[in-house]
Amino acid sequence: MSEPKFIERMKKKYNVRTTFELFIIMAVFSLAGMAIVWVRKPIFHLLGITAQTPFILKFLAWLAVVFPTYQINLLIFGFLLGKFSFFWEREKKFLRFLRKVILERGLARQNT
């Protein structure tokens, strides 16, 4: 029995050979996301962020706390499920992208 086309596309996108590998990668993304839900609430509470906190402050706190924690969670769960090298390569690519964006914006501001 052949696999659905979306499974084949996902396997190609993530450069994996088996459906089991794809399942593990999707599980890592899911676990990292679920862990953020548990981590965000106590950290936001410690920072004093409530429902009344202005959106921009919540967003900045999210960028400073939740976003990097998710990236770290990907590496942790990737390690635990045997896919650390896959997620480490993605993380390095992402960090190069961020560095490029930040440097280009910084250079653009200096030139104006």
Protein backbone atom coordinates (compact mmCIF):
# COMPACT_ATOMS: atom_id res chain seq x y z
CA MET A 1 0.00 0.00 0.00
CA SER A 2 1.45 3.38 -0.97
CA GLU A 3 1.66 6.29 1.43
CA PRO A 4 -0.38 9.47 1.06
CA LYS A 5 1.27 12.15 -1.04
CA PHE A 6 1.62 14.56 1.87
CA ILE A 7 3.72 11.96 3.73
CA GLU A 8 5.99 11.60 0.71
CA ARG A 9 6.31 15.40 0.44
CA MET A 10 7.16 15.67 4.14
CA LYS A 11 9.78 12.92 3.87
CA LYS A 12 11.33 14.75 0.93
CA LYS A 13 11.20 18.13 2.70
CA TYR A 14 12.94 16.77 5.81
CA ASN A 15 15.25 14.51 3.79
CA VAL A 16 14.28 11.29 5.58
CA ARG A 17 13.83 7.84 4.12
CA THR A 18 11.28 6.20 6.39
CA THR A 19 7.89 7.13 7.71
CA PHE A 20 9.13 6.21 11.19
CA GLU A 21 11.88 8.86 10.96
CA LEU A 22 9.26 11.40 9.90
CA PHE A 23 7.06 10.35 12.81
CA ILE A 24 9.95 10.90 15.26
CA ILE A 25 10.65 14.38 13.80
CA MET A 26 6.99 15.35 14.08
CA ALA A 27 6.93 14.00 17.65
CA VAL A 28 9.91 16.20 18.55
CA PHE A 29 8.17 19.30 17.17
CA SER A 30 5.01 18.36 19.11
CA LEU A 31 6.79 17.67 22.38
CA ALA A 32 8.80 20.90 22.16
CA GLY A 33 5.61 22.87 21.56
CA MET A 34 3.73 21.21 24.40
CA ALA A 35 6.63 21.80 26.78
CA ILE A 36 6.50 25.52 26.00
CA VAL A 37 2.92 25.66 27.24
CA TRP A 38 4.07 24.33 30.61
CA VAL A 39 7.16 26.59 30.75
CA ARG A 40 5.58 29.85 29.60
CA LYS A 41 3.00 30.21 32.37
CA PRO A 42 5.36 30.02 35.38
CA ILE A 43 7.99 32.19 33.68
CA PHE A 44 5.44 34.83 32.72
CA HIS A 45 4.10 34.70 36.29
CA LEU A 46 7.63 35.26 37.65
CA LEU A 47 8.04 38.21 35.28
CA GLY A 48 4.72 39.66 36.49
CA ILE A 49 3.01 39.38 33.12
CA THR A 50 -0.76 39.20 33.49
CA ALA A 51 -3.82 39.51 31.27
CA GLN A 52 -3.65 43.28 31.86
CA THR A 53 -0.06 43.55 30.60
CA PRO A 54 0.10 45.45 27.29
CA PHE A 55 0.41 43.22 24.24
CA ILE A 56 3.76 44.65 23.18
CA LEU A 57 5.31 43.70 26.53
CA LYS A 58 3.85 40.19 26.28
CA PHE A 59 5.23 39.88 22.78
CA LEU A 60 8.69 41.07 23.81
CA ALA A 61 8.68 38.64 26.74
CA TRP A 62 7.65 35.88 24.37
CA LEU A 63 10.55 36.71 22.07
CA ALA A 64 12.99 36.83 24.95
CA VAL A 65 11.80 33.72 26.81
CA VAL A 66 9.51 31.41 24.88
CA PHE A 67 11.13 31.55 21.45
CA PRO A 68 14.66 30.55 22.57
CA THR A 69 13.26 27.98 25.01
CA TYR A 70 11.40 26.30 22.13
CA GLN A 71 14.64 26.11 20.14
CA ILE A 72 16.41 24.51 23.12
CA ASN A 73 13.49 22.12 23.61
CA LEU A 74 13.84 20.99 20.00
CA LEU A 75 17.44 20.03 20.68
CA ILE A 76 16.62 18.31 23.98
CA PHE A 77 13.72 16.27 22.62
CA GLY A 78 15.67 15.62 19.42
CA PHE A 79 18.48 14.19 21.53
CA LEU A 80 16.12 12.09 23.63
CA LEU A 81 14.46 10.64 20.52
CA GLY A 82 17.69 10.09 18.57
CA LYS A 83 17.37 12.97 16.11
CA PHE A 84 19.79 15.48 17.65
CA SER A 85 21.93 15.83 14.50
CA PHE A 86 18.83 16.57 12.41
CA PHE A 87 17.68 19.33 14.76
CA TRP A 88 21.20 20.66 15.36
CA GLU A 89 21.67 21.18 11.59
CA ARG A 90 18.31 22.98 11.39
CA GLU A 91 19.25 25.09 14.40
CA LYS A 92 22.60 26.10 12.88
CA LYS A 93 20.86 27.04 9.62
CA PHE A 94 18.29 29.08 11.54
CA LEU A 95 20.97 30.87 13.58
CA ARG A 96 22.91 31.74 10.39
CA PHE A 97 19.67 33.17 8.97
CA LEU A 98 19.03 35.26 12.11
CA ARG A 99 22.61 36.50 12.13
CA LYS A 100 22.34 37.53 8.49
CA VAL A 101 19.04 39.36 9.05
CA ILE A 102 20.32 41.16 12.14
CA LEU A 103 23.61 42.15 10.51
CA GLU A 104 21.91 43.36 7.32
CA ARG A 105 19.49 45.52 9.30
CA GLY A 106 22.31 46.88 11.42
CA LEU A 107 24.35 47.76 8.35
CA ALA A 108 21.32 49.30 6.64
CA ARG A 109 20.73 51.56 9.67
CA GLN A 110 24.38 52.61 9.79
CA ASN A 111 24.33 53.60 6.12
CA THR A 112 21.30 55.89 6.46
